[in-house]
Amino acid sequence: MYLRNQNIRDEYFDNQYKKRAECEKIHGHIKGTVKFDIRRVRNESRKLYSLLSFIAYQLLALTEMQNKVGNKNSFGKYF
């Protein structure tokens, strides 16, 4: 409720909301890259599933650092 009210008061919200398509595209790509949808592994071994997700996340963070992305871990807010 609070965030909705803040968005109503913000006169630049419409312009910011138009940029959301790019955000959703990036989110979809990250979600498809990081998410392991292997049901057997996920159901039988939660520890292994968590480890695989962590490794994938760390690889993405390393890639951003290697490519000298200004805002490191910028995709973290999408998880």
PDB file of N, CA and C in Angstrom:
ATOM      1  N   MET A   1       0.824  -1.180   0.000  1.00  0.00           N
ATOM      2  CA  MET A   1       0.000   0.000   0.000  1.00  0.00           C
ATOM      3  C   MET A   1       0.876   1.254   0.000  1.00  0.00           C
ATOM      4  N   TYR A   2       1.927   1.230   0.822  1.00  0.00           N
ATOM      5  CA  TYR A   2       2.816   2.386   0.906  1.00  0.00           C
ATOM      6  C   TYR A   2       3.485   2.666  -0.441  1.00  0.00           C
ATOM      7  N   LEU A   3       4.008   1.594  -1.083  1.00  0.00           N
ATOM      8  CA  LEU A   3       4.675   1.782  -2.371  1.00  0.00           C
ATOM      9  C   LEU A   3       3.712   2.279  -3.435  1.00  0.00           C
ATOM     10  N   ARG A   4       2.490   1.781  -3.418  1.00  0.00           N
ATOM     11  CA  ARG A   4       1.495   2.245  -4.386  1.00  0.00           C
ATOM     12  C   ARG A   4       1.254   3.737  -4.207  1.00  0.00           C
ATOM     13  N   ASN A   5       1.124   4.177  -2.975  1.00  0.00           N
ATOM     14  CA  ASN A   5       0.905   5.596  -2.705  1.00  0.00           C
ATOM     15  C   ASN A   5       2.101   6.439  -3.136  1.00  0.00           C
ATOM     16  N   GLN A   6       3.298   5.918  -2.929  1.00  0.00           N
ATOM     17  CA  GLN A   6       4.489   6.649  -3.366  1.00  0.00           C
ATOM     18  C   GLN A   6       4.513   6.785  -4.884  1.00  0.00           C
ATOM     19  N   ASN A   7       4.108   5.734  -5.589  1.00  0.00           N
ATOM     20  CA  ASN A   7       4.078   5.785  -7.044  1.00  0.00           C
ATOM     21  C   ASN A   7       3.026   6.761  -7.547  1.00  0.00           C
ATOM     22  N   ILE A   8       1.912   6.854  -6.862  1.00  0.00           N
ATOM     23  CA  ILE A   8       0.867   7.801  -7.260  1.00  0.00           C
ATOM     24  C   ILE A   8       1.376   9.235  -7.104  1.00  0.00           C
ATOM     25  N   ARG A   9       2.128   9.495  -6.062  1.00  0.00           N
ATOM     26  CA  ARG A   9       2.648  10.846  -5.812  1.00  0.00           C
ATOM     27  C   ARG A   9       3.796  11.219  -6.738  1.00  0.00           C
ATOM     28  N   ASP A  10       4.528  10.232  -7.214  1.00  0.00           N
ATOM     29  CA  ASP A  10       5.701  10.491  -8.049  1.00  0.00           C
ATOM     30  C   ASP A  10       5.264  10.875  -9.457  1.00  0.00           C
ATOM     31  N   GLU A  11       5.576  12.092  -9.864  1.00  0.00           N
ATOM     32  CA  GLU A  11       5.141  12.565 -11.185  1.00  0.00           C
ATOM     33  C   GLU A  11       5.945  11.946 -12.326  1.00  0.00           C
ATOM     34  N   TYR A  12       7.102  11.356 -12.024  1.00  0.00           N
ATOM     35  CA  TYR A  12       7.930  10.728 -13.053  1.00  0.00           C
ATOM     36  C   TYR A  12       7.709   9.215 -13.145  1.00  0.00           C
ATOM     37  N   PHE A  13       6.756   8.709 -12.405  1.00  0.00           N
ATOM     38  CA  PHE A  13       6.534   7.263 -12.357  1.00  0.00           C
ATOM     39  C   PHE A  13       6.180   6.688 -13.729  1.00  0.00           C
ATOM     40  N   ASP A  14       5.354   7.378 -14.497  1.00  0.00           N
ATOM     41  CA  ASP A  14       4.964   6.870 -15.818  1.00  0.00           C
ATOM     42  C   ASP A  14       6.170   6.681 -16.725  1.00  0.00           C
ATOM     43  N   ASN A  15       7.095   7.619 -16.710  1.00  0.00           N
ATOM     44  CA  ASN A  15       8.298   7.492 -17.535  1.00  0.00           C
ATOM     45  C   ASN A  15       9.173   6.337 -17.063  1.00  0.00           C
ATOM     46  N   GLN A  16       9.273   6.163 -15.762  1.00  0.00           N
ATOM     47  CA  GLN A  16      10.058   5.058 -15.225  1.00  0.00           C
ATOM     48  C   GLN A  16       9.403   3.715 -15.531  1.00  0.00           C
ATOM     49  N   TYR A  17       8.093   3.688 -15.495  1.00  0.00           N
ATOM     50  CA  TYR A  17       7.369   2.436 -15.731  1.00  0.00           C
ATOM     51  C   TYR A  17       7.526   1.973 -17.175  1.00  0.00           C
ATOM     52  N   LYS A  18       7.697   2.902 -18.101  1.00  0.00           N
ATOM     53  CA  LYS A  18       7.889   2.546 -19.511  1.00  0.00           C
ATOM     54  C   LYS A  18       9.183   1.763 -19.711  1.00  0.00           C
ATOM     55  N   LYS A  19      10.159   1.981 -18.849  1.00  0.00           N
ATOM     56  CA  LYS A  19      11.442   1.284 -18.954  1.00  0.00           C
ATOM     57  C   LYS A  19      11.377  -0.124 -18.367  1.00  0.00           C
ATOM     58  N   ARG A  20      10.258  -0.487 -17.816  1.00  0.00           N
ATOM     59  CA  ARG A  20      10.114  -1.777 -17.141  1.00  0.00           C
ATOM     60  C   ARG A  20      10.247  -2.958 -18.101  1.00  0.00           C
ATOM     61  N   ALA A  21       9.924  -2.772 -19.373  1.00  0.00           N
ATOM     62  CA  ALA A  21      10.014  -3.871 -20.340  1.00  0.00           C
ATOM     63  C   ALA A  21      11.438  -4.419 -20.405  1.00  0.00           C
ATOM     64  N   GLU A  22      12.422  -3.534 -20.415  1.00  0.00           N
ATOM     65  CA  GLU A  22      13.819  -3.964 -20.439  1.00  0.00           C
ATOM     66  C   GLU A  22      14.170  -4.723 -19.165  1.00  0.00           C
ATOM     67  N   CYS A  23      13.661  -4.244 -18.052  1.00  0.00           N
ATOM     68  CA  CYS A  23      13.890  -4.901 -16.764  1.00  0.00           C
ATOM     69  C   CYS A  23      13.313  -6.318 -16.774  1.00  0.00           C
ATOM     70  N   GLU A  24      12.111  -6.465 -17.302  1.00  0.00           N
ATOM     71  CA  GLU A  24      11.469  -7.783 -17.362  1.00  0.00           C
ATOM     72  C   GLU A  24      12.225  -8.723 -18.290  1.00  0.00           C
ATOM     73  N   LYS A  25      12.776  -8.181 -19.372  1.00  0.00           N
ATOM     74  CA  LYS A  25      13.541  -8.999 -20.311  1.00  0.00           C
ATOM     75  C   LYS A  25      14.800  -9.544 -19.632  1.00  0.00           C
ATOM     76  N   ILE A  26      15.493  -8.684 -18.897  1.00  0.00           N
ATOM     77  CA  ILE A  26      16.696  -9.107 -18.175  1.00  0.00           C
ATOM     78  C   ILE A  26      16.331 -10.127 -17.103  1.00  0.00           C
ATOM     79  N   HIS A  27      15.254  -9.865 -16.390  1.00  0.00           N
ATOM     80  CA  HIS A  27      14.802 -10.782 -15.340  1.00  0.00           C
ATOM     81  C   HIS A  27      14.503 -12.161 -15.918  1.00  0.00           C
ATOM     82  N   GLY A  28      13.815 -12.198 -17.063  1.00  0.00           N
ATOM     83  CA  GLY A  28      13.498 -13.478 -17.697  1.00  0.00           C
ATOM     84  C   GLY A  28      14.750 -14.245 -18.082  1.00  0.00           C
ATOM     85  N   HIS A  29      15.748 -13.517 -18.588  1.00  0.00           N
ATOM     86  CA  HIS A  29      16.997 -14.162 -18.983  1.00  0.00           C
ATOM     87  C   HIS A  29      17.726 -14.737 -17.764  1.00  0.00           C
ATOM     88  N   ILE A  30      17.803 -13.948 -16.707  1.00  0.00           N
ATOM     89  CA  ILE A  30      18.479 -14.412 -15.492  1.00  0.00           C
ATOM     90  C   ILE A  30      17.741 -15.593 -14.885  1.00  0.00           C
ATOM     91  N   LYS A  31      16.431 -15.498 -14.848  1.00  0.00           N
ATOM     92  CA  LYS A  31      15.627 -16.576 -14.269  1.00  0.00           C
ATOM     93  C   LYS A  31      15.821 -17.872 -15.054  1.00  0.00           C
ATOM     94  N   GLY A  32      15.865 -17.763 -16.374  1.00  0.00           N
ATOM     95  CA  GLY A  32      16.079 -18.944 -17.203  1.00  0.00           C
ATOM     96  C   GLY A  32      17.476 -19.515 -17.060  1.00  0.00           C
ATOM     97  N   THR A  33      18.445 -18.652 -16.770  1.00  0.00           N
ATOM     98  CA  THR A  33      19.827 -19.095 -16.634  1.00  0.00           C
ATOM     99  C   THR A  33      20.092 -19.737 -15.280  1.00  0.00           C
ATOM    100  N   VAL A  34      19.586 -19.124 -14.224  1.00  0.00           N
ATOM    101  CA  VAL A  34      19.911 -19.565 -12.869  1.00  0.00           C
ATOM    102  C   VAL A  34      19.012 -20.683 -12.377  1.00  0.00           C
ATOM    103  N   LYS A  35      17.770 -20.689 -12.778  1.00  0.00           N
ATOM    104  CA  LYS A  35      16.814 -21.642 -12.219  1.00  0.00           C
ATOM    105  C   LYS A  35      17.043 -23.044 -12.789  1.00  0.00           C
ATOM    106  N   PHE A  36      17.250 -23.973 -11.911  1.00  0.00           N
ATOM    107  CA  PHE A  36      17.377 -25.368 -12.298  1.00  0.00           C
ATOM    108  C   PHE A  36      16.037 -26.035 -12.039  1.00  0.00           C
ATOM    109  N   ASP A  37      15.379 -26.440 -13.074  1.00  0.00           N
ATOM    110  CA  ASP A  37      14.065 -27.053 -12.903  1.00  0.00           C
ATOM    111  C   ASP A  37      14.176 -28.562 -13.096  1.00  0.00           C
ATOM    112  N   ILE A  38      15.070 -29.158 -12.367  1.00  0.00           N
ATOM    113  CA  ILE A  38      15.245 -30.610 -12.406  1.00  0.00           C
ATOM    114  C   ILE A  38      14.497 -31.146 -11.197  1.00  0.00           C
ATOM    115  N   ARG A  39      13.288 -31.600 -11.417  1.00  0.00           N
ATOM    116  CA  ARG A  39      12.401 -31.941 -10.310  1.00  0.00           C
ATOM    117  C   ARG A  39      12.965 -33.034  -9.401  1.00  0.00           C
ATOM    118  N   ARG A  40      13.584 -34.046  -9.975  1.00  0.00           N
ATOM    119  CA  ARG A  40      14.103 -35.127  -9.147  1.00  0.00           C
ATOM    120  C   ARG A  40      15.184 -34.616  -8.202  1.00  0.00           C
ATOM    121  N   VAL A  41      16.101 -33.826  -8.740  1.00  0.00           N
ATOM    122  CA  VAL A  41      17.173 -33.278  -7.911  1.00  0.00           C
ATOM    123  C   VAL A  41      16.584 -32.345  -6.862  1.00  0.00           C
ATOM    124  N   ARG A  42      15.630 -31.532  -7.281  1.00  0.00           N
ATOM    125  CA  ARG A  42      15.047 -30.561  -6.360  1.00  0.00           C
ATOM    126  C   ARG A  42      14.288 -31.244  -5.231  1.00  0.00           C
ATOM    127  N   ASN A  43      13.592 -32.309  -5.534  1.00  0.00           N
ATOM    128  CA  ASN A  43      12.796 -32.991  -4.515  1.00  0.00           C
ATOM    129  C   ASN A  43      13.623 -33.924  -3.641  1.00  0.00           C
ATOM    130  N   GLU A  44      14.617 -34.576  -4.219  1.00  0.00           N
ATOM    131  CA  GLU A  44      15.389 -35.560  -3.464  1.00  0.00           C
ATOM    132  C   GLU A  44      16.559 -34.946  -2.697  1.00  0.00           C
ATOM    133  N   SER A  45      17.105 -33.874  -3.193  1.00  0.00           N
ATOM    134  CA  SER A  45      18.294 -33.322  -2.549  1.00  0.00           C
ATOM    135  C   SER A  45      18.236 -31.796  -2.534  1.00  0.00           C
ATOM    136  N   ARG A  46      17.629 -31.270  -1.523  1.00  0.00           N
ATOM    137  CA  ARG A  46      17.531 -29.805  -1.387  1.00  0.00           C
ATOM    138  C   ARG A  46      18.919 -29.172  -1.255  1.00  0.00           C
ATOM    139  N   LYS A  47      19.810 -29.869  -0.582  1.00  0.00           N
ATOM    140  CA  LYS A  47      21.155 -29.334  -0.382  1.00  0.00           C
ATOM    141  C   LYS A  47      21.883 -29.189  -1.722  1.00  0.00           C
ATOM    142  N   LEU A  48      21.801 -30.208  -2.567  1.00  0.00           N
ATOM    143  CA  LEU A  48      22.434 -30.149  -3.881  1.00  0.00           C
ATOM    144  C   LEU A  48      21.796 -29.060  -4.739  1.00  0.00           C
ATOM    145  N   TYR A  49      20.484 -28.950  -4.692  1.00  0.00           N
ATOM    146  CA  TYR A  49      19.770 -27.922  -5.453  1.00  0.00           C
ATOM    147  C   TYR A  49      20.223 -26.529  -5.024  1.00  0.00           C
ATOM    148  N   SER A  50      20.351 -26.312  -3.720  1.00  0.00           N
ATOM    149  CA  SER A  50      20.808 -25.016  -3.207  1.00  0.00           C
ATOM    150  C   SER A  50      22.233 -24.731  -3.658  1.00  0.00           C
ATOM    151  N   LEU A  51      23.068 -25.745  -3.628  1.00  0.00           N
ATOM    152  CA  LEU A  51      24.453 -25.583  -4.046  1.00  0.00           C
ATOM    153  C   LEU A  51      24.547 -25.233  -5.531  1.00  0.00           C
ATOM    154  N   LEU A  52      23.780 -25.910  -6.371  1.00  0.00           N
ATOM    155  CA  LEU A  52      23.787 -25.613  -7.806  1.00  0.00           C
ATOM    156  C   LEU A  52      23.312 -24.191  -8.079  1.00  0.00           C
ATOM    157  N   SER A  53      22.279 -23.756  -7.396  1.00  0.00           N
ATOM    158  CA  SER A  53      21.783 -22.391  -7.567  1.00  0.00           C
ATOM    159  C   SER A  53      22.830 -21.374  -7.130  1.00  0.00           C
ATOM    160  N   PHE A  54      23.503 -21.645  -6.016  1.00  0.00           N
ATOM    161  CA  PHE A  54      24.541 -20.742  -5.520  1.00  0.00           C
ATOM    162  C   PHE A  54      25.694 -20.635  -6.516  1.00  0.00           C
ATOM    163  N   ILE A  55      26.119 -21.765  -7.057  1.00  0.00           N
ATOM    164  CA  ILE A  55      27.222 -21.761  -8.024  1.00  0.00           C
ATOM    165  C   ILE A  55      26.841 -20.973  -9.272  1.00  0.00           C
ATOM    166  N   ALA A  56      25.630 -21.168  -9.767  1.00  0.00           N
ATOM    167  CA  ALA A  56      25.186 -20.430 -10.950  1.00  0.00           C
ATOM    168  C   ALA A  56      25.155 -18.933 -10.673  1.00  0.00           C
ATOM    169  N   TYR A  57      24.677 -18.554  -9.507  1.00  0.00           N
ATOM    170  CA  TYR A  57      24.626 -17.143  -9.122  1.00  0.00           C
ATOM    171  C   TYR A  57      26.032 -16.552  -9.044  1.00  0.00           C
ATOM    172  N   GLN A  58      26.964 -17.289  -8.462  1.00  0.00           N
ATOM    173  CA  GLN A  58      28.336 -16.811  -8.351  1.00  0.00           C
ATOM    174  C   GLN A  58      28.988 -16.671  -9.721  1.00  0.00           C
ATOM    175  N   LEU A  59      28.684 -17.587 -10.635  1.00  0.00           N
ATOM    176  CA  LEU A  59      29.226 -17.480 -11.991  1.00  0.00           C
ATOM    177  C   LEU A  59      28.717 -16.227 -12.693  1.00  0.00           C
ATOM    178  N   LEU A  60      27.446 -15.907 -12.509  1.00  0.00           N
ATOM    179  CA  LEU A  60      26.912 -14.685 -13.102  1.00  0.00           C
ATOM    180  C   LEU A  60      27.569 -13.449 -12.492  1.00  0.00           C
ATOM    181  N   ALA A  61      27.786 -13.458 -11.188  1.00  0.00           N
ATOM    182  CA  ALA A  61      28.458 -12.333 -10.537  1.00  0.00           C
ATOM    183  C   ALA A  61      29.895 -12.195 -11.047  1.00  0.00           C
ATOM    184  N   LEU A  62      30.587 -13.309 -11.200  1.00  0.00           N
ATOM    185  CA  LEU A  62      31.954 -13.291 -11.713  1.00  0.00           C
ATOM    186  C   LEU A  62      31.995 -12.758 -13.144  1.00  0.00           C
ATOM    187  N   THR A  63      31.029 -13.148 -13.946  1.00  0.00           N
ATOM    188  CA  THR A  63      30.955 -12.669 -15.328  1.00  0.00           C
ATOM    189  C   THR A  63      30.774 -11.162 -15.369  1.00  0.00           C
ATOM    190  N   GLU A  64      29.916 -10.633 -14.501  1.00  0.00           N
ATOM    191  CA  GLU A  64      29.735  -9.176 -14.451  1.00  0.00           C
ATOM    192  C   GLU A  64      31.030  -8.485 -14.045  1.00  0.00           C
ATOM    193  N   MET A  65      31.741  -9.044 -13.083  1.00  0.00           N
ATOM    194  CA  MET A  65      33.003  -8.439 -12.647  1.00  0.00           C
ATOM    195  C   MET A  65      34.046  -8.504 -13.755  1.00  0.00           C
ATOM    196  N   GLN A  66      34.090  -9.626 -14.457  1.00  0.00           N
ATOM    197  CA  GLN A  66      35.066  -9.814 -15.519  1.00  0.00           C
ATOM    198  C   GLN A  66      34.800  -8.869 -16.687  1.00  0.00           C
ATOM    199  N   ASN A  67      33.532  -8.592 -16.952  1.00  0.00           N
ATOM    200  CA  ASN A  67      33.168  -7.690 -18.045  1.00  0.00           C
ATOM    201  C   ASN A  67      33.143  -6.232 -17.614  1.00  0.00           C
ATOM    202  N   LYS A  68      33.599  -5.969 -16.393  1.00  0.00           N
ATOM    203  CA  LYS A  68      33.710  -4.618 -15.843  1.00  0.00           C
ATOM    204  C   LYS A  68      32.383  -3.873 -15.854  1.00  0.00           C
ATOM    205  N   VAL A  69      31.339  -4.558 -15.436  1.00  0.00           N
ATOM    206  CA  VAL A  69      30.033  -3.922 -15.293  1.00  0.00           C
ATOM    207  C   VAL A  69      30.122  -2.972 -14.113  1.00  0.00           C
ATOM    208  N   GLY A  70      29.640  -1.738 -14.297  1.00  0.00           N
ATOM    209  CA  GLY A  70      29.775  -0.711 -13.264  1.00  0.00           C
ATOM    210  C   GLY A  70      29.132  -1.090 -11.948  1.00  0.00           C
ATOM    211  N   ASN A  71      27.895  -1.494 -11.966  1.00  0.00           N
ATOM    212  CA  ASN A  71      27.169  -1.816 -10.743  1.00  0.00           C
ATOM    213  C   ASN A  71      27.210  -3.326 -10.538  1.00  0.00           C
ATOM    214  N   LYS A  72      28.191  -3.787  -9.775  1.00  0.00           N
ATOM    215  CA  LYS A  72      28.339  -5.226  -9.549  1.00  0.00           C
ATOM    216  C   LYS A  72      27.117  -5.793  -8.845  1.00  0.00           C
ATOM    217  N   ASN A  73      26.742  -6.988  -9.198  1.00  0.00           N
ATOM    218  CA  ASN A  73      25.616  -7.684  -8.580  1.00  0.00           C
ATOM    219  C   ASN A  73      24.304  -6.936  -8.792  1.00  0.00           C
ATOM    220  N   SER A  74      24.189  -6.248  -9.917  1.00  0.00           N
ATOM    221  CA  SER A  74      22.988  -5.455 -10.182  1.00  0.00           C
ATOM    222  C   SER A  74      21.765  -6.331 -10.395  1.00  0.00           C
ATOM    223  N   PHE A  75      21.959  -7.579 -10.774  1.00  0.00           N
ATOM    224  CA  PHE A  75      20.808  -8.452 -10.992  1.00  0.00           C
ATOM    225  C   PHE A  75      20.304  -9.076  -9.700  1.00  0.00           C
ATOM    226  N   GLY A  76      20.986  -8.856  -8.596  1.00  0.00           N
ATOM    227  CA  GLY A  76      20.595  -9.440  -7.316  1.00  0.00           C
ATOM    228  C   GLY A  76      19.216  -9.023  -6.852  1.00  0.00           C
ATOM    229  N   LYS A  77      18.783  -7.836  -7.238  1.00  0.00           N
ATOM    230  CA  LYS A  77      17.470  -7.364  -6.798  1.00  0.00           C
ATOM    231  C   LYS A  77      16.326  -8.127  -7.448  1.00  0.00           C
ATOM    232  N   TYR A  78      16.615  -8.918  -8.482  1.00  0.00           N
ATOM    233  CA  TYR A  78      15.557  -9.659  -9.163  1.00  0.00           C
ATOM    234  C   TYR A  78      15.267 -11.004  -8.525  1.00  0.00           C
ATOM    235  N   PHE A  79      16.095 -11.406  -7.552  1.00  0.00           N
ATOM    236  CA  PHE A  79      15.903 -12.722  -6.948  1.00  0.00           C
ATOM    237  C   PHE A  79      15.049 -12.619  -5.719  1.00  0.00           C
TER     238      PHE A  79
END
